[in-house]
N, C-alpha and C. Protein backbone atom coordinates (compact mmCIF):
# COMPACT_ATOMS: atom_id res chain seq x y z
N UNK A 1 100.96 114.36 106.51
CA UNK A 1 100.25 113.79 105.38
C UNK A 1 100.66 112.34 105.14
N UNK A 2 101.95 112.04 105.30
CA UNK A 2 102.41 110.67 105.08
C UNK A 2 101.71 109.71 106.04
N UNK A 3 101.52 110.16 107.26
CA UNK A 3 100.85 109.33 108.26
C UNK A 3 99.41 109.04 107.83
N UNK A 4 98.75 110.05 107.27
CA UNK A 4 97.37 109.88 106.82
C UNK A 4 97.29 108.85 105.69
N UNK A 5 98.19 108.96 104.72
CA UNK A 5 98.14 108.04 103.59
C UNK A 5 98.55 106.63 104.02
N UNK A 6 99.44 106.52 104.99
CA UNK A 6 99.79 105.20 105.53
C UNK A 6 98.57 104.60 106.23
N UNK A 7 97.81 105.43 106.91
CA UNK A 7 96.60 104.98 107.58
C UNK A 7 95.56 104.52 106.56
N UNK A 8 95.44 105.25 105.46
CA UNK A 8 94.51 104.84 104.40
C UNK A 8 94.92 103.47 103.84
N UNK A 9 96.21 103.23 103.70
CA UNK A 9 96.68 101.93 103.23
C UNK A 9 96.30 100.82 104.21
N UNK A 10 96.44 101.10 105.49
CA UNK A 10 96.05 100.11 106.51
C UNK A 10 94.55 99.84 106.45
N UNK A 11 93.77 100.90 106.24
CA UNK A 11 92.32 100.74 106.12
C UNK A 11 92.00 99.89 104.89
N UNK A 12 92.68 100.17 103.78
CA UNK A 12 92.45 99.41 102.54
C UNK A 12 92.75 97.91 102.78
N UNK A 13 93.83 97.62 103.46
CA UNK A 13 94.20 96.22 103.74
C UNK A 13 93.17 95.55 104.64
N UNK A 14 92.75 96.27 105.65
CA UNK A 14 91.77 95.72 106.59
C UNK A 14 90.41 95.53 105.91
N UNK A 15 90.03 96.47 105.04
CA UNK A 15 88.79 96.33 104.28
C UNK A 15 88.83 95.05 103.46
N UNK A 16 89.95 94.83 102.77
CA UNK A 16 90.09 93.64 101.94
C UNK A 16 90.01 92.37 102.78
N UNK A 17 90.64 92.40 103.94
CA UNK A 17 90.64 91.23 104.82
C UNK A 17 89.25 90.93 105.38
N UNK A 18 88.46 91.97 105.56
CA UNK A 18 87.14 91.84 106.18
C UNK A 18 86.00 92.00 105.18
N UNK A 19 86.29 91.94 103.89
CA UNK A 19 85.27 92.28 102.90
C UNK A 19 83.99 91.46 103.02
N UNK A 20 84.08 90.25 103.55
CA UNK A 20 82.88 89.45 103.74
C UNK A 20 81.96 90.00 104.82
N UNK A 21 82.50 90.81 105.71
CA UNK A 21 81.71 91.39 106.81
C UNK A 21 81.33 92.85 106.55
N UNK A 22 81.95 93.45 105.54
CA UNK A 22 81.70 94.87 105.25
C UNK A 22 80.44 95.00 104.41
N UNK A 23 79.56 95.90 104.82
CA UNK A 23 78.35 96.18 104.06
C UNK A 23 78.73 96.98 102.82
N UNK A 24 78.63 96.39 101.64
CA UNK A 24 78.95 97.00 100.35
C UNK A 24 80.44 97.33 100.23
N UNK A 25 81.23 96.28 100.24
CA UNK A 25 82.69 96.40 100.15
C UNK A 25 83.12 97.24 98.94
N UNK A 26 82.52 97.00 97.78
CA UNK A 26 82.93 97.72 96.56
C UNK A 26 82.77 99.23 96.73
N UNK A 27 81.65 99.65 97.27
CA UNK A 27 81.44 101.08 97.48
C UNK A 27 82.46 101.64 98.47
N UNK A 28 82.76 100.89 99.50
CA UNK A 28 83.75 101.34 100.48
C UNK A 28 85.12 101.50 99.82
N UNK A 29 85.49 100.57 98.96
CA UNK A 29 86.78 100.64 98.27
C UNK A 29 86.83 101.88 97.38
N UNK A 30 85.75 102.16 96.67
CA UNK A 30 85.69 103.36 95.81
C UNK A 30 85.78 104.62 96.66
N UNK A 31 85.03 104.67 97.76
CA UNK A 31 85.06 105.84 98.64
C UNK A 31 86.46 106.04 99.21
N UNK A 32 87.14 104.97 99.54
CA UNK A 32 88.50 105.08 100.08
C UNK A 32 89.45 105.64 99.02
N UNK A 33 89.31 105.18 97.78
CA UNK A 33 90.13 105.72 96.69
C UNK A 33 89.86 107.21 96.49
N UNK A 34 88.59 107.59 96.55
CA UNK A 34 88.25 109.00 96.40
C UNK A 34 88.79 109.84 97.56
N UNK A 35 88.78 109.27 98.75
CA UNK A 35 89.33 109.96 99.92
C UNK A 35 90.81 110.25 99.70
N UNK A 36 91.53 109.29 99.16
CA UNK A 36 92.97 109.45 98.93
C UNK A 36 93.26 110.56 97.91
N UNK A 37 92.30 110.91 97.09
CA UNK A 37 92.49 111.93 96.06
C UNK A 37 92.18 113.35 96.55
N UNK A 38 91.66 113.47 97.76
CA UNK A 38 91.27 114.78 98.27
C UNK A 38 92.50 115.59 98.70
N UNK A 39 92.39 116.90 98.54
CA UNK A 39 93.45 117.83 98.97
C UNK A 39 93.14 118.25 100.40
N UNK A 40 93.88 117.69 101.33
CA UNK A 40 93.58 117.94 102.73
C UNK A 40 94.05 119.29 103.23
N UNK A 41 94.77 120.02 102.41
CA UNK A 41 95.18 121.38 102.78
C UNK A 41 94.08 122.38 102.42
N UNK A 42 92.99 121.87 101.91
CA UNK A 42 91.85 122.69 101.48
C UNK A 42 90.63 122.30 102.32
N UNK A 43 89.86 123.28 102.75
CA UNK A 43 88.68 123.03 103.58
C UNK A 43 87.71 122.09 102.88
N UNK A 44 87.46 122.31 101.60
CA UNK A 44 86.54 121.46 100.85
C UNK A 44 87.04 120.03 100.75
N UNK A 45 88.33 119.87 100.55
CA UNK A 45 88.92 118.54 100.47
C UNK A 45 88.82 117.79 101.79
N UNK A 46 89.08 118.50 102.88
CA UNK A 46 88.95 117.89 104.21
C UNK A 46 87.51 117.48 104.49
N UNK A 47 86.58 118.34 104.11
CA UNK A 47 85.17 118.05 104.33
C UNK A 47 84.73 116.83 103.52
N UNK A 48 85.15 116.76 102.27
CA UNK A 48 84.80 115.62 101.42
C UNK A 48 85.42 114.34 101.98
N UNK A 49 86.68 114.39 102.39
CA UNK A 49 87.35 113.21 102.94
C UNK A 49 86.65 112.74 104.21
N UNK A 50 86.29 113.69 105.05
CA UNK A 50 85.60 113.36 106.30
C UNK A 50 84.26 112.67 106.01
N UNK A 51 83.51 113.20 105.06
CA UNK A 51 82.20 112.63 104.71
C UNK A 51 82.36 111.21 104.18
N UNK A 52 83.34 110.99 103.32
CA UNK A 52 83.54 109.66 102.75
C UNK A 52 83.98 108.66 103.80
N UNK A 53 84.88 109.07 104.69
CA UNK A 53 85.33 108.17 105.76
C UNK A 53 84.19 107.84 106.71
N UNK A 54 83.33 108.81 106.97
CA UNK A 54 82.17 108.55 107.84
C UNK A 54 81.21 107.56 107.19
N UNK A 55 81.04 107.64 105.87
CA UNK A 55 80.20 106.69 105.15
C UNK A 55 80.78 105.28 105.25
N UNK A 56 82.09 105.19 105.06
CA UNK A 56 82.75 103.88 105.16
C UNK A 56 82.59 103.33 106.58
N UNK A 57 82.81 104.19 107.57
CA UNK A 57 82.70 103.75 108.97
C UNK A 57 81.30 103.22 109.26
N UNK A 58 80.27 103.86 108.71
CA UNK A 58 78.90 103.40 108.92
C UNK A 58 78.69 102.01 108.32
N UNK A 59 79.34 101.73 107.20
CA UNK A 59 79.21 100.43 106.54
C UNK A 59 80.05 99.35 107.23
N UNK A 60 80.96 99.76 108.10
CA UNK A 60 81.84 98.82 108.80
C UNK A 60 81.44 98.67 110.26
N UNK A 61 80.26 99.12 110.60
CA UNK A 61 79.80 99.04 111.98
C UNK A 61 79.85 97.58 112.43
N UNK A 62 80.41 97.34 113.56
CA UNK A 62 80.51 95.98 114.07
C UNK A 62 81.85 95.32 113.78
N UNK A 63 82.75 96.03 113.09
CA UNK A 63 84.09 95.51 112.82
C UNK A 63 85.06 96.44 113.55
N UNK A 64 85.35 96.14 114.82
CA UNK A 64 86.11 97.06 115.67
C UNK A 64 87.43 97.56 115.08
N UNK A 65 88.21 96.69 114.47
CA UNK A 65 89.49 97.12 113.92
C UNK A 65 89.34 98.18 112.86
N UNK A 66 88.38 97.99 111.97
CA UNK A 66 88.14 98.97 110.91
C UNK A 66 87.58 100.27 111.47
N UNK A 67 86.65 100.16 112.38
CA UNK A 67 86.06 101.36 112.99
C UNK A 67 87.15 102.17 113.67
N UNK A 68 88.04 101.51 114.36
CA UNK A 68 89.13 102.19 115.05
C UNK A 68 90.06 102.91 114.07
N UNK A 69 90.43 102.23 112.99
CA UNK A 69 91.29 102.86 111.98
C UNK A 69 90.61 104.05 111.33
N UNK A 70 89.33 103.91 111.01
CA UNK A 70 88.60 105.01 110.38
C UNK A 70 88.45 106.18 111.34
N UNK A 71 88.24 105.91 112.61
CA UNK A 71 88.14 106.99 113.60
C UNK A 71 89.48 107.70 113.72
N UNK A 72 90.56 106.96 113.67
CA UNK A 72 91.89 107.58 113.71
C UNK A 72 92.11 108.48 112.50
N UNK A 73 91.69 108.02 111.33
CA UNK A 73 91.83 108.83 110.11
C UNK A 73 91.00 110.11 110.22
N UNK A 74 89.80 109.99 110.75
CA UNK A 74 88.95 111.18 110.92
C UNK A 74 89.60 112.16 111.89
N UNK A 75 90.18 111.67 112.95
CA UNK A 75 90.84 112.54 113.92
C UNK A 75 92.04 113.22 113.29
N UNK A 76 92.76 112.49 112.47
CA UNK A 76 93.94 113.04 111.82
C UNK A 76 93.57 114.17 110.86
N UNK A 77 92.45 114.03 110.17
CA UNK A 77 92.00 115.09 109.26
C UNK A 77 91.82 116.40 110.02
N UNK A 78 91.31 116.32 111.23
CA UNK A 78 91.08 117.52 112.04
C UNK A 78 92.37 118.27 112.32
N UNK A 79 93.49 117.58 112.32
CA UNK A 79 94.77 118.24 112.62
C UNK A 79 95.31 119.03 111.43
N UNK A 80 94.74 118.82 110.24
CA UNK A 80 95.22 119.51 109.05
C UNK A 80 94.63 120.91 108.90
N UNK A 81 93.65 121.23 109.71
CA UNK A 81 92.99 122.55 109.60
C UNK A 81 93.93 123.68 109.99
């Protein structure tokens, strides 16, 4: 879990650094905050977190560093099942 939250922090920093290139930065920041509030030990929480991260990733298309971090976070969620 600590690794996941550290990854979310890295995503947050990268989002801020790239906010001029991110499609709807504010919504991405809100979705990231909501993702951090999900209970990943619960199927519903994992599903919600996955959906929100996928939405963020879609808005960051074309920003390789962010896409890579978001893909890593999505992969990590799968390990919590």
